Amino acid sequence: MPPRRVCLRPQAFGNDIDAVQSWARLPSPETLAAVAAADGGTRNLRSVLGSADAEYFVGREAELDIVAGLLDADTPSRILYVHGPGGIGKSALLRAAGRLAERAGFVCSAHDARTLPGELDALLAKLVGEAIGGPLFLVLDEVDHLGSMVGPARDALLDQLPDDARIALAGRAEPEASWRADGLPASSSI
């Protein structure tokens, strides 16, 4: 089965100030209590903000269904490529996908391509050895910033990652034609 491709379309979320304020909100007291219980009674800022991110993520049920299908052990799909204009929720969707993957038993390794090494061997060394304790769910956000390394990195990851790994990428640009060659045709656009 070919990789799934999701093209996000803008949704009405109110004005930008509302979006910034909602991102900065703390989770509800119930969620904070659940985080503390899950962390053995301790909380850190990362866990609190992660809980807030999960609590305030709404919508995108169709896209989350695609992610759930990607995580199914029997699926032939292994790659999800999300693309669309800036500010419509690609990164939030990838964070939600990572949470789903962790609940499904995957080890989620999330990376912002703007912070990754600019040399292919160093990039691969950073990405490939990440899964310890379960199958890898590799998230590459802002993949457009890899520029001409996207194709070679993809090909190397396909050769080096185990067959139970999954890859979720997001960027503004639609995948280039090489994603539809050599057995990697795009199957759908939502």
N, C-alpha and C. Protein backbone atom coordinates (compact mmCIF):
# COMPACT_ATOMS: atom_id res chain seq x y z
N MET A 1 0.85 -1.18 0.00
CA MET A 1 0.00 0.00 0.00
C MET A 1 0.88 1.23 0.00
N PRO A 2 0.53 2.23 -0.75
CA PRO A 2 1.34 3.44 -0.84
C PRO A 2 1.25 4.29 0.42
N PRO A 3 2.19 5.22 0.60
CA PRO A 3 2.12 6.08 1.78
C PRO A 3 0.88 6.94 1.74
N ARG A 4 0.33 7.23 2.92
CA ARG A 4 -0.84 8.10 3.02
C ARG A 4 -0.36 9.53 2.98
N ARG A 5 -1.16 10.38 2.40
CA ARG A 5 -0.83 11.79 2.31
C ARG A 5 -2.04 12.57 2.77
N VAL A 6 -1.83 13.52 3.64
CA VAL A 6 -2.91 14.34 4.15
C VAL A 6 -2.59 15.79 3.81
N CYS A 7 -3.51 16.45 3.15
CA CYS A 7 -3.38 17.87 2.88
C CYS A 7 -4.37 18.59 3.77
N LEU A 8 -3.86 19.34 4.73
CA LEU A 8 -4.74 20.03 5.66
C LEU A 8 -5.29 21.29 5.01
N ARG A 9 -6.53 21.54 5.28
CA ARG A 9 -7.20 22.75 4.81
C ARG A 9 -7.48 23.62 6.03
N PRO A 10 -7.45 24.95 5.89
CA PRO A 10 -7.73 25.82 7.04
C PRO A 10 -9.11 25.54 7.64
N GLN A 11 -9.18 25.61 8.95
CA GLN A 11 -10.44 25.50 9.67
C GLN A 11 -10.63 26.78 10.46
N ALA A 12 -11.86 27.11 10.75
CA ALA A 12 -12.15 28.33 11.51
C ALA A 12 -11.91 28.09 12.99
N PHE A 13 -10.87 28.67 13.53
CA PHE A 13 -10.55 28.54 14.94
C PHE A 13 -10.67 29.86 15.68
N GLY A 14 -11.24 30.88 15.09
CA GLY A 14 -11.26 32.19 15.72
C GLY A 14 -10.05 32.98 15.30
N ASN A 15 -9.77 34.04 16.02
CA ASN A 15 -8.64 34.86 15.61
C ASN A 15 -7.33 34.32 16.18
N ASP A 16 -6.22 34.84 15.67
CA ASP A 16 -4.90 34.34 16.08
C ASP A 16 -4.64 34.53 17.56
N ILE A 17 -5.16 35.60 18.15
CA ILE A 17 -4.94 35.84 19.57
C ILE A 17 -5.59 34.73 20.39
N ASP A 18 -6.79 34.30 20.01
CA ASP A 18 -7.43 33.19 20.70
C ASP A 18 -6.58 31.93 20.63
N ALA A 19 -5.98 31.68 19.45
CA ALA A 19 -5.16 30.48 19.28
C ALA A 19 -3.93 30.54 20.19
N VAL A 20 -3.29 31.69 20.28
CA VAL A 20 -2.12 31.84 21.15
C VAL A 20 -2.52 31.68 22.60
N GLN A 21 -3.62 32.30 23.01
CA GLN A 21 -4.06 32.19 24.39
C GLN A 21 -4.43 30.76 24.74
N SER A 22 -5.08 30.05 23.83
CA SER A 22 -5.48 28.69 24.15
C SER A 22 -4.25 27.78 24.25
N TRP A 23 -3.20 28.07 23.49
CA TRP A 23 -2.00 27.25 23.58
C TRP A 23 -1.34 27.44 24.94
N ALA A 24 -1.40 28.66 25.47
CA ALA A 24 -0.73 28.97 26.72
C ALA A 24 -1.54 28.54 27.95
N ARG A 25 -2.78 28.11 27.77
CA ARG A 25 -3.61 27.69 28.90
C ARG A 25 -3.06 26.44 29.55
N LEU A 26 -3.23 26.38 30.85
CA LEU A 26 -2.88 25.15 31.57
C LEU A 26 -4.01 24.15 31.42
N PRO A 27 -3.68 22.88 31.54
CA PRO A 27 -4.75 21.88 31.50
C PRO A 27 -5.67 22.01 32.71
N SER A 28 -6.79 21.35 32.62
CA SER A 28 -7.77 21.38 33.72
C SER A 28 -7.16 20.73 34.97
N PRO A 29 -7.72 21.02 36.14
CA PRO A 29 -7.23 20.39 37.37
C PRO A 29 -7.29 18.86 37.30
N GLU A 30 -8.31 18.33 36.65
CA GLU A 30 -8.43 16.87 36.52
C GLU A 30 -7.27 16.30 35.70
N THR A 31 -6.93 17.00 34.60
CA THR A 31 -5.82 16.54 33.77
C THR A 31 -4.51 16.65 34.53
N LEU A 32 -4.31 17.74 35.27
CA LEU A 32 -3.09 17.90 36.07
C LEU A 32 -2.96 16.78 37.09
N ALA A 33 -4.07 16.40 37.71
CA ALA A 33 -4.04 15.30 38.69
C ALA A 33 -3.67 13.99 38.01
N ALA A 34 -4.22 13.76 36.82
CA ALA A 34 -3.90 12.53 36.08
C ALA A 34 -2.43 12.50 35.68
N VAL A 35 -1.89 13.66 35.26
CA VAL A 35 -0.46 13.74 34.91
C VAL A 35 0.40 13.42 36.12
N ALA A 36 0.06 14.00 37.26
CA ALA A 36 0.82 13.75 38.49
C ALA A 36 0.77 12.28 38.86
N ALA A 37 -0.39 11.66 38.74
CA ALA A 37 -0.52 10.24 39.08
C ALA A 37 0.31 9.39 38.13
N ALA A 38 0.29 9.72 36.85
CA ALA A 38 1.04 8.95 35.86
C ALA A 38 2.54 9.11 36.05
N ASP A 39 2.97 10.27 36.55
CA ASP A 39 4.39 10.54 36.75
C ASP A 39 4.86 10.17 38.15
N GLY A 40 4.08 9.39 38.87
CA GLY A 40 4.47 9.00 40.22
C GLY A 40 4.37 10.13 41.23
N GLY A 41 3.45 11.05 41.00
CA GLY A 41 3.23 12.14 41.94
C GLY A 41 4.03 13.40 41.63
N THR A 42 4.92 13.34 40.66
CA THR A 42 5.70 14.53 40.30
C THR A 42 5.29 15.02 38.92
N ARG A 43 5.44 16.32 38.74
CA ARG A 43 5.15 16.90 37.43
C ARG A 43 6.32 17.78 37.04
N ASN A 44 6.56 17.86 35.74
CA ASN A 44 7.51 18.85 35.26
C ASN A 44 6.80 19.68 34.21
N LEU A 45 7.44 20.74 33.80
CA LEU A 45 6.81 21.65 32.85
C LEU A 45 6.47 20.95 31.53
N ARG A 46 7.35 20.06 31.06
CA ARG A 46 7.09 19.34 29.80
C ARG A 46 5.82 18.51 29.89
N SER A 47 5.64 17.79 31.00
CA SER A 47 4.44 16.95 31.11
C SER A 47 3.18 17.79 31.23
N VAL A 48 3.26 18.93 31.93
CA VAL A 48 2.09 19.80 32.06
C VAL A 48 1.71 20.39 30.71
N LEU A 49 2.69 20.91 29.97
CA LEU A 49 2.39 21.50 28.66
C LEU A 49 1.95 20.45 27.66
N GLY A 50 2.54 19.25 27.75
CA GLY A 50 2.09 18.17 26.87
C GLY A 50 0.64 17.79 27.14
N SER A 51 0.26 17.78 28.41
CA SER A 51 -1.13 17.49 28.76
C SER A 51 -2.07 18.58 28.26
N ALA A 52 -1.63 19.83 28.36
CA ALA A 52 -2.44 20.94 27.85
C ALA A 52 -2.61 20.82 26.34
N ASP A 53 -1.54 20.47 25.66
CA ASP A 53 -1.59 20.31 24.21
C ASP A 53 -2.60 19.22 23.84
N ALA A 54 -2.57 18.12 24.56
CA ALA A 54 -3.51 17.03 24.28
C ALA A 54 -4.94 17.42 24.60
N GLU A 55 -5.13 18.11 25.71
CA GLU A 55 -6.48 18.47 26.14
C GLU A 55 -7.14 19.45 25.17
N TYR A 56 -6.37 20.39 24.65
CA TYR A 56 -6.95 21.43 23.81
C TYR A 56 -6.88 21.13 22.31
N PHE A 57 -6.36 19.96 21.94
CA PHE A 57 -6.38 19.55 20.53
C PHE A 57 -7.78 19.08 20.20
N VAL A 58 -8.41 19.71 19.23
CA VAL A 58 -9.79 19.34 18.87
C VAL A 58 -9.88 19.14 17.36
N GLY A 59 -10.86 18.36 16.97
CA GLY A 59 -11.12 18.16 15.55
C GLY A 59 -10.13 17.20 14.92
N ARG A 60 -10.10 17.26 13.60
CA ARG A 60 -9.19 16.43 12.79
C ARG A 60 -9.44 14.94 12.97
N GLU A 61 -10.71 14.58 13.18
CA GLU A 61 -11.02 13.16 13.37
C GLU A 61 -10.66 12.32 12.15
N ALA A 62 -10.92 12.84 10.96
CA ALA A 62 -10.60 12.08 9.74
C ALA A 62 -9.10 11.83 9.63
N GLU A 63 -8.30 12.85 9.96
CA GLU A 63 -6.86 12.70 9.91
C GLU A 63 -6.36 11.74 10.98
N LEU A 64 -6.96 11.81 12.19
CA LEU A 64 -6.57 10.90 13.26
C LEU A 64 -6.96 9.46 12.93
N ASP A 65 -8.04 9.28 12.20
CA ASP A 65 -8.40 7.93 11.74
C ASP A 65 -7.34 7.38 10.80
N ILE A 66 -6.79 8.24 9.94
CA ILE A 66 -5.72 7.81 9.04
C ILE A 66 -4.49 7.41 9.87
N VAL A 67 -4.17 8.21 10.89
CA VAL A 67 -3.03 7.88 11.76
C VAL A 67 -3.28 6.55 12.46
N ALA A 68 -4.48 6.35 12.98
CA ALA A 68 -4.80 5.08 13.65
C ALA A 68 -4.62 3.91 12.69
N GLY A 69 -5.03 4.09 11.44
CA GLY A 69 -4.82 3.04 10.44
C GLY A 69 -3.35 2.78 10.18
N LEU A 70 -2.55 3.82 10.19
CA LEU A 70 -1.11 3.69 9.99
C LEU A 70 -0.48 2.87 11.11
N LEU A 71 -1.03 2.96 12.31
CA LEU A 71 -0.47 2.27 13.48
C LEU A 71 -0.90 0.82 13.58
N ASP A 72 -1.89 0.44 12.82
CA ASP A 72 -2.38 -0.93 12.83
C ASP A 72 -1.27 -1.88 12.37
N ALA A 73 -1.08 -2.95 13.10
CA ALA A 73 -0.02 -3.91 12.78
C ALA A 73 -0.22 -4.56 11.41
N ASP A 74 -1.45 -4.67 10.96
CA ASP A 74 -1.73 -5.35 9.69
C ASP A 74 -1.71 -4.43 8.48
N THR A 75 -1.48 -3.15 8.67
CA THR A 75 -1.50 -2.23 7.53
C THR A 75 -0.22 -2.33 6.72
N PRO A 76 -0.33 -2.23 5.42
CA PRO A 76 0.89 -2.15 4.62
C PRO A 76 1.46 -0.73 4.58
N SER A 77 0.71 0.26 5.07
CA SER A 77 1.18 1.65 5.08
C SER A 77 2.21 1.84 6.17
N ARG A 78 3.23 2.62 5.86
CA ARG A 78 4.27 2.91 6.84
C ARG A 78 4.63 4.39 6.91
N ILE A 79 4.15 5.19 5.95
CA ILE A 79 4.54 6.60 5.87
C ILE A 79 3.29 7.47 5.77
N LEU A 80 3.30 8.56 6.52
CA LEU A 80 2.25 9.57 6.45
C LEU A 80 2.93 10.89 6.13
N TYR A 81 2.47 11.56 5.08
CA TYR A 81 3.03 12.86 4.69
C TYR A 81 1.91 13.88 4.76
N VAL A 82 2.03 14.81 5.72
CA VAL A 82 1.03 15.84 5.93
C VAL A 82 1.57 17.14 5.34
N HIS A 83 0.75 17.81 4.51
CA HIS A 83 1.21 19.08 3.96
C HIS A 83 0.06 20.06 3.89
N GLY A 84 0.40 21.34 3.90
CA GLY A 84 -0.59 22.39 3.83
C GLY A 84 0.04 23.71 4.22
N PRO A 85 -0.73 24.79 4.08
CA PRO A 85 -0.20 26.13 4.41
C PRO A 85 0.20 26.24 5.87
N GLY A 86 1.08 27.20 6.14
CA GLY A 86 1.53 27.43 7.51
C GLY A 86 0.39 27.85 8.42
N GLY A 87 0.43 27.35 9.66
CA GLY A 87 -0.52 27.78 10.67
C GLY A 87 -1.84 27.05 10.71
N ILE A 88 -1.98 25.95 9.99
CA ILE A 88 -3.28 25.26 9.99
C ILE A 88 -3.31 24.00 10.85
N GLY A 89 -2.22 23.71 11.54
CA GLY A 89 -2.27 22.62 12.50
C GLY A 89 -1.47 21.38 12.15
N LYS A 90 -0.53 21.47 11.22
CA LYS A 90 0.27 20.29 10.88
C LYS A 90 1.06 19.79 12.09
N SER A 91 1.73 20.72 12.78
CA SER A 91 2.54 20.32 13.94
C SER A 91 1.67 19.77 15.05
N ALA A 92 0.52 20.39 15.30
CA ALA A 92 -0.40 19.88 16.32
C ALA A 92 -0.88 18.48 15.97
N LEU A 93 -1.16 18.25 14.69
CA LEU A 93 -1.58 16.92 14.26
C LEU A 93 -0.46 15.91 14.46
N LEU A 94 0.78 16.28 14.18
CA LEU A 94 1.89 15.35 14.40
C LEU A 94 2.07 15.04 15.88
N ARG A 95 1.89 16.05 16.75
CA ARG A 95 1.98 15.78 18.19
C ARG A 95 0.87 14.83 18.62
N ALA A 96 -0.34 15.03 18.10
CA ALA A 96 -1.45 14.11 18.42
C ALA A 96 -1.16 12.71 17.88
N ALA A 97 -0.57 12.64 16.70
CA ALA A 97 -0.19 11.34 16.12
C ALA A 97 0.84 10.64 17.00
N GLY A 98 1.78 11.41 17.51
CA GLY A 98 2.78 10.84 18.42
C GLY A 98 2.16 10.28 19.69
N ARG A 99 1.17 11.00 20.23
CA ARG A 99 0.47 10.49 21.43
C ARG A 99 -0.26 9.18 21.11
N LEU A 100 -0.93 9.13 19.95
CA LEU A 100 -1.62 7.89 19.55
C LEU A 100 -0.61 6.75 19.39
N ALA A 101 0.53 7.06 18.78
CA ALA A 101 1.55 6.03 18.56
C ALA A 101 2.07 5.49 19.88
N GLU A 102 2.32 6.38 20.83
CA GLU A 102 2.81 5.92 22.14
C GLU A 102 1.78 5.03 22.82
N ARG A 103 0.50 5.40 22.74
CA ARG A 103 -0.55 4.56 23.34
C ARG A 103 -0.64 3.21 22.63
N ALA A 104 -0.23 3.15 21.36
CA ALA A 104 -0.27 1.90 20.60
C ALA A 104 1.01 1.07 20.80
N GLY A 105 1.93 1.54 21.64
CA GLY A 105 3.15 0.78 21.94
C GLY A 105 4.37 1.18 21.14
N PHE A 106 4.28 2.24 20.36
CA PHE A 106 5.43 2.72 19.60
C PHE A 106 6.30 3.62 20.47
N VAL A 107 7.57 3.68 20.14
CA VAL A 107 8.48 4.66 20.74
C VAL A 107 8.48 5.84 19.79
N CYS A 108 7.98 6.97 20.26
CA CYS A 108 7.87 8.16 19.42
C CYS A 108 9.15 8.98 19.51
N SER A 109 9.73 9.26 18.36
CA SER A 109 10.91 10.10 18.27
C SER A 109 10.57 11.26 17.35
N ALA A 110 10.34 12.44 17.95
CA ALA A 110 9.88 13.61 17.19
C ALA A 110 11.02 14.61 17.00
N HIS A 111 11.11 15.13 15.79
CA HIS A 111 12.18 16.06 15.44
C HIS A 111 11.64 17.21 14.60
N ASP A 112 12.16 18.39 14.86
CA ASP A 112 11.92 19.56 14.03
C ASP A 112 13.09 19.64 13.06
N ALA A 113 12.83 19.54 11.78
CA ALA A 113 13.90 19.49 10.78
C ALA A 113 14.78 20.73 10.80
N ARG A 114 14.26 21.83 11.33
CA ARG A 114 15.07 23.05 11.41
C ARG A 114 16.23 22.90 12.38
N THR A 115 16.16 21.90 13.26
CA THR A 115 17.21 21.71 14.27
C THR A 115 18.09 20.50 13.98
N LEU A 116 17.86 19.82 12.89
CA LEU A 116 18.62 18.61 12.58
C LEU A 116 19.92 18.95 11.86
N PRO A 117 20.90 18.04 11.94
CA PRO A 117 22.17 18.28 11.25
C PRO A 117 21.97 18.46 9.74
N GLY A 118 22.80 19.27 9.13
CA GLY A 118 22.69 19.56 7.71
C GLY A 118 23.44 18.59 6.82
N GLU A 119 24.08 17.59 7.40
CA GLU A 119 24.84 16.60 6.65
C GLU A 119 24.12 15.25 6.76
N LEU A 120 23.98 14.55 5.66
CA LEU A 120 23.14 13.35 5.60
C LEU A 120 23.56 12.29 6.61
N ASP A 121 24.84 11.96 6.71
CA ASP A 121 25.27 10.91 7.64
C ASP A 121 24.95 11.28 9.08
N ALA A 122 25.18 12.53 9.46
CA ALA A 122 24.87 12.99 10.82
C ALA A 122 23.36 12.97 11.07
N LEU A 123 22.59 13.36 10.05
CA LEU A 123 21.14 13.33 10.16
C LEU A 123 20.64 11.91 10.40
N LEU A 124 21.13 10.98 9.61
CA LEU A 124 20.70 9.58 9.75
C LEU A 124 21.12 8.99 11.09
N ALA A 125 22.33 9.33 11.55
CA ALA A 125 22.79 8.84 12.85
C ALA A 125 21.86 9.32 13.95
N LYS A 126 21.36 10.54 13.84
CA LYS A 126 20.45 11.10 14.84
C LYS A 126 19.09 10.39 14.79
N LEU A 127 18.61 10.06 13.60
CA LEU A 127 17.25 9.54 13.44
C LEU A 127 17.13 8.02 13.60
N VAL A 128 18.10 7.28 13.14
CA VAL A 128 17.94 5.82 13.02
C VAL A 128 18.03 5.08 14.34
N GLY A 129 18.89 5.45 15.24
CA GLY A 129 19.08 4.67 16.46
C GLY A 129 18.15 5.04 17.59
N GLU A 130 16.99 5.62 17.31
CA GLU A 130 16.13 6.17 18.35
C GLU A 130 15.24 5.15 19.05
N ALA A 131 14.87 4.06 18.42
CA ALA A 131 13.88 3.14 19.01
C ALA A 131 14.54 2.18 19.99
N ILE A 132 14.18 2.34 21.24
CA ILE A 132 14.62 1.40 22.27
C ILE A 132 13.37 1.01 23.04
N GLY A 133 13.03 -0.26 23.00
CA GLY A 133 11.89 -0.73 23.76
C GLY A 133 10.59 -0.82 22.98
N GLY A 134 10.64 -0.75 21.69
CA GLY A 134 9.43 -0.89 20.90
C GLY A 134 9.64 -0.42 19.48
N PRO A 135 8.62 -0.60 18.64
CA PRO A 135 8.74 -0.13 17.26
C PRO A 135 8.80 1.41 17.22
N LEU A 136 9.48 1.94 16.24
CA LEU A 136 9.71 3.38 16.13
C LEU A 136 8.60 4.08 15.37
N PHE A 137 8.14 5.19 15.91
CA PHE A 137 7.26 6.12 15.21
C PHE A 137 8.07 7.40 15.07
N LEU A 138 8.63 7.62 13.89
CA LEU A 138 9.52 8.74 13.63
C LEU A 138 8.73 9.91 13.07
N VAL A 139 8.82 11.05 13.74
CA VAL A 139 8.11 12.26 13.34
C VAL A 139 9.13 13.29 12.88
N LEU A 140 8.95 13.79 11.67
CA LEU A 140 9.80 14.85 11.12
C LEU A 140 8.91 16.02 10.74
N ASP A 141 8.92 17.04 11.57
CA ASP A 141 8.14 18.24 11.30
C ASP A 141 9.01 19.25 10.55
N GLU A 142 8.38 20.14 9.81
CA GLU A 142 9.09 21.16 9.03
C GLU A 142 10.06 20.52 8.04
N VAL A 143 9.64 19.42 7.43
CA VAL A 143 10.51 18.64 6.56
C VAL A 143 11.01 19.45 5.35
N ASP A 144 10.31 20.51 4.99
CA ASP A 144 10.76 21.35 3.88
C ASP A 144 12.15 21.92 4.13
N HIS A 145 12.52 22.09 5.39
CA HIS A 145 13.82 22.67 5.72
C HIS A 145 14.97 21.72 5.43
N LEU A 146 14.68 20.47 5.15
CA LEU A 146 15.76 19.55 4.76
C LEU A 146 16.19 19.79 3.31
N GLY A 147 15.36 20.50 2.56
CA GLY A 147 15.71 20.85 1.19
C GLY A 147 16.02 19.63 0.34
N SER A 148 17.17 19.65 -0.32
CA SER A 148 17.54 18.58 -1.24
C SER A 148 17.89 17.28 -0.51
N MET A 149 17.97 17.30 0.82
CA MET A 149 18.26 16.06 1.57
C MET A 149 17.02 15.22 1.81
N VAL A 150 15.83 15.75 1.53
CA VAL A 150 14.60 14.99 1.81
C VAL A 150 14.61 13.65 1.09
N GLY A 151 14.85 13.65 -0.20
CA GLY A 151 14.85 12.40 -0.97
C GLY A 151 15.90 11.41 -0.50
N PRO A 152 17.18 11.81 -0.41
CA PRO A 152 18.19 10.87 0.09
C PRO A 152 17.93 10.39 1.52
N ALA A 153 17.44 11.29 2.38
CA ALA A 153 17.14 10.88 3.75
C ALA A 153 16.01 9.86 3.76
N ARG A 154 14.96 10.12 2.96
CA ARG A 154 13.85 9.17 2.88
C ARG A 154 14.35 7.80 2.41
N ASP A 155 15.14 7.78 1.35
CA ASP A 155 15.63 6.51 0.81
C ASP A 155 16.49 5.77 1.83
N ALA A 156 17.35 6.50 2.54
CA ALA A 156 18.19 5.86 3.55
C ALA A 156 17.36 5.33 4.71
N LEU A 157 16.35 6.10 5.14
CA LEU A 157 15.48 5.63 6.23
C LEU A 157 14.72 4.38 5.81
N LEU A 158 14.24 4.34 4.57
CA LEU A 158 13.53 3.15 4.09
C LEU A 158 14.44 1.92 4.11
N ASP A 159 15.72 2.13 3.85
CA ASP A 159 16.67 1.01 3.85
C ASP A 159 17.12 0.62 5.25
N GLN A 160 17.16 1.58 6.19
CA GLN A 160 17.77 1.31 7.49
C GLN A 160 16.78 1.04 8.62
N LEU A 161 15.56 1.53 8.52
CA LEU A 161 14.61 1.31 9.60
C LEU A 161 13.99 -0.08 9.51
N PRO A 162 13.67 -0.69 10.64
CA PRO A 162 13.02 -2.00 10.62
C PRO A 162 11.62 -1.90 10.01
N ASP A 163 11.08 -3.03 9.59
CA ASP A 163 9.80 -3.02 8.88
C ASP A 163 8.60 -2.67 9.76
N ASP A 164 8.77 -2.65 11.08
CA ASP A 164 7.65 -2.25 11.95
C ASP A 164 7.66 -0.75 12.26
N ALA A 165 8.62 -0.01 11.73
CA ALA A 165 8.70 1.43 11.97
C ALA A 165 7.64 2.17 11.13
N ARG A 166 7.28 3.34 11.61
CA ARG A 166 6.39 4.23 10.88
C ARG A 166 7.05 5.60 10.82
N ILE A 167 6.76 6.35 9.75
CA ILE A 167 7.30 7.69 9.58
C ILE A 167 6.15 8.64 9.30
N ALA A 168 6.12 9.75 10.05
CA ALA A 168 5.14 10.81 9.81
C ALA A 168 5.92 12.09 9.55
N LEU A 169 5.66 12.71 8.40
CA LEU A 169 6.35 13.93 8.02
C LEU A 169 5.33 15.04 7.81
N ALA A 170 5.77 16.28 8.00
CA ALA A 170 4.90 17.41 7.73
C ALA A 170 5.72 18.55 7.16
N GLY A 171 5.12 19.22 6.20
CA GLY A 171 5.73 20.39 5.59
C GLY A 171 4.68 21.17 4.82
N ARG A 172 5.08 22.32 4.34
CA ARG A 172 4.14 23.16 3.60
C ARG A 172 3.96 22.69 2.16
N ALA A 173 5.02 22.18 1.58
CA ALA A 173 4.97 21.80 0.16
C ALA A 173 4.42 20.38 -0.01
N GLU A 174 3.71 20.19 -1.10
CA GLU A 174 3.25 18.85 -1.47
C GLU A 174 4.47 17.98 -1.75
N PRO A 175 4.39 16.68 -1.48
CA PRO A 175 5.53 15.81 -1.76
C PRO A 175 5.92 15.88 -3.23
N GLU A 176 7.22 15.88 -3.47
CA GLU A 176 7.69 15.93 -4.85
C GLU A 176 7.42 14.60 -5.55
N ALA A 177 7.59 14.59 -6.85
CA ALA A 177 7.25 13.43 -7.68
C ALA A 177 7.97 12.16 -7.26
N SER A 178 9.16 12.27 -6.69
CA SER A 178 9.90 11.06 -6.29
C SER A 178 9.18 10.26 -5.21
N TRP A 179 8.25 10.90 -4.48
CA TRP A 179 7.46 10.17 -3.50
C TRP A 179 6.46 9.24 -4.16
N ARG A 180 6.18 9.47 -5.43
CA ARG A 180 5.22 8.64 -6.15
C ARG A 180 5.90 7.67 -7.11
N ALA A 181 7.21 7.59 -7.04
CA ALA A 181 7.97 6.69 -7.89
C ALA A 181 8.46 5.50 -7.09
N ASP A 182 8.86 4.46 -7.76
CA ASP A 182 9.46 3.30 -7.11
C ASP A 182 8.61 2.71 -5.99
N GLY A 183 7.32 2.57 -6.25
CA GLY A 183 6.44 1.94 -5.29
C GLY A 183 5.94 2.85 -4.19
N LEU A 184 6.12 4.16 -4.32
CA LEU A 184 5.66 5.08 -3.30
C LEU A 184 4.62 6.05 -3.83
N PRO A 185 3.59 5.58 -4.55
CA PRO A 185 2.59 6.51 -5.04
C PRO A 185 1.73 7.05 -3.91
N ALA A 186 1.35 8.32 -4.01
CA ALA A 186 0.45 8.89 -3.00
C ALA A 186 -0.93 8.29 -3.20
N SER A 187 -1.55 7.85 -2.11
CA SER A 187 -2.81 7.13 -2.25
C SER A 187 -4.03 8.04 -2.07
N SER A 188 -3.89 9.10 -1.30
CA SER A 188 -5.06 9.92 -1.09
C SER A 188 -4.64 11.30 -0.61
N SER A 189 -5.53 12.21 -0.77
CA SER A 189 -5.34 13.55 -0.25
C SER A 189 -6.64 13.97 0.40
N ILE A 190 -6.56 14.40 1.63
CA ILE A 190 -7.77 14.75 2.36
C ILE A 190 -7.78 16.25 2.58
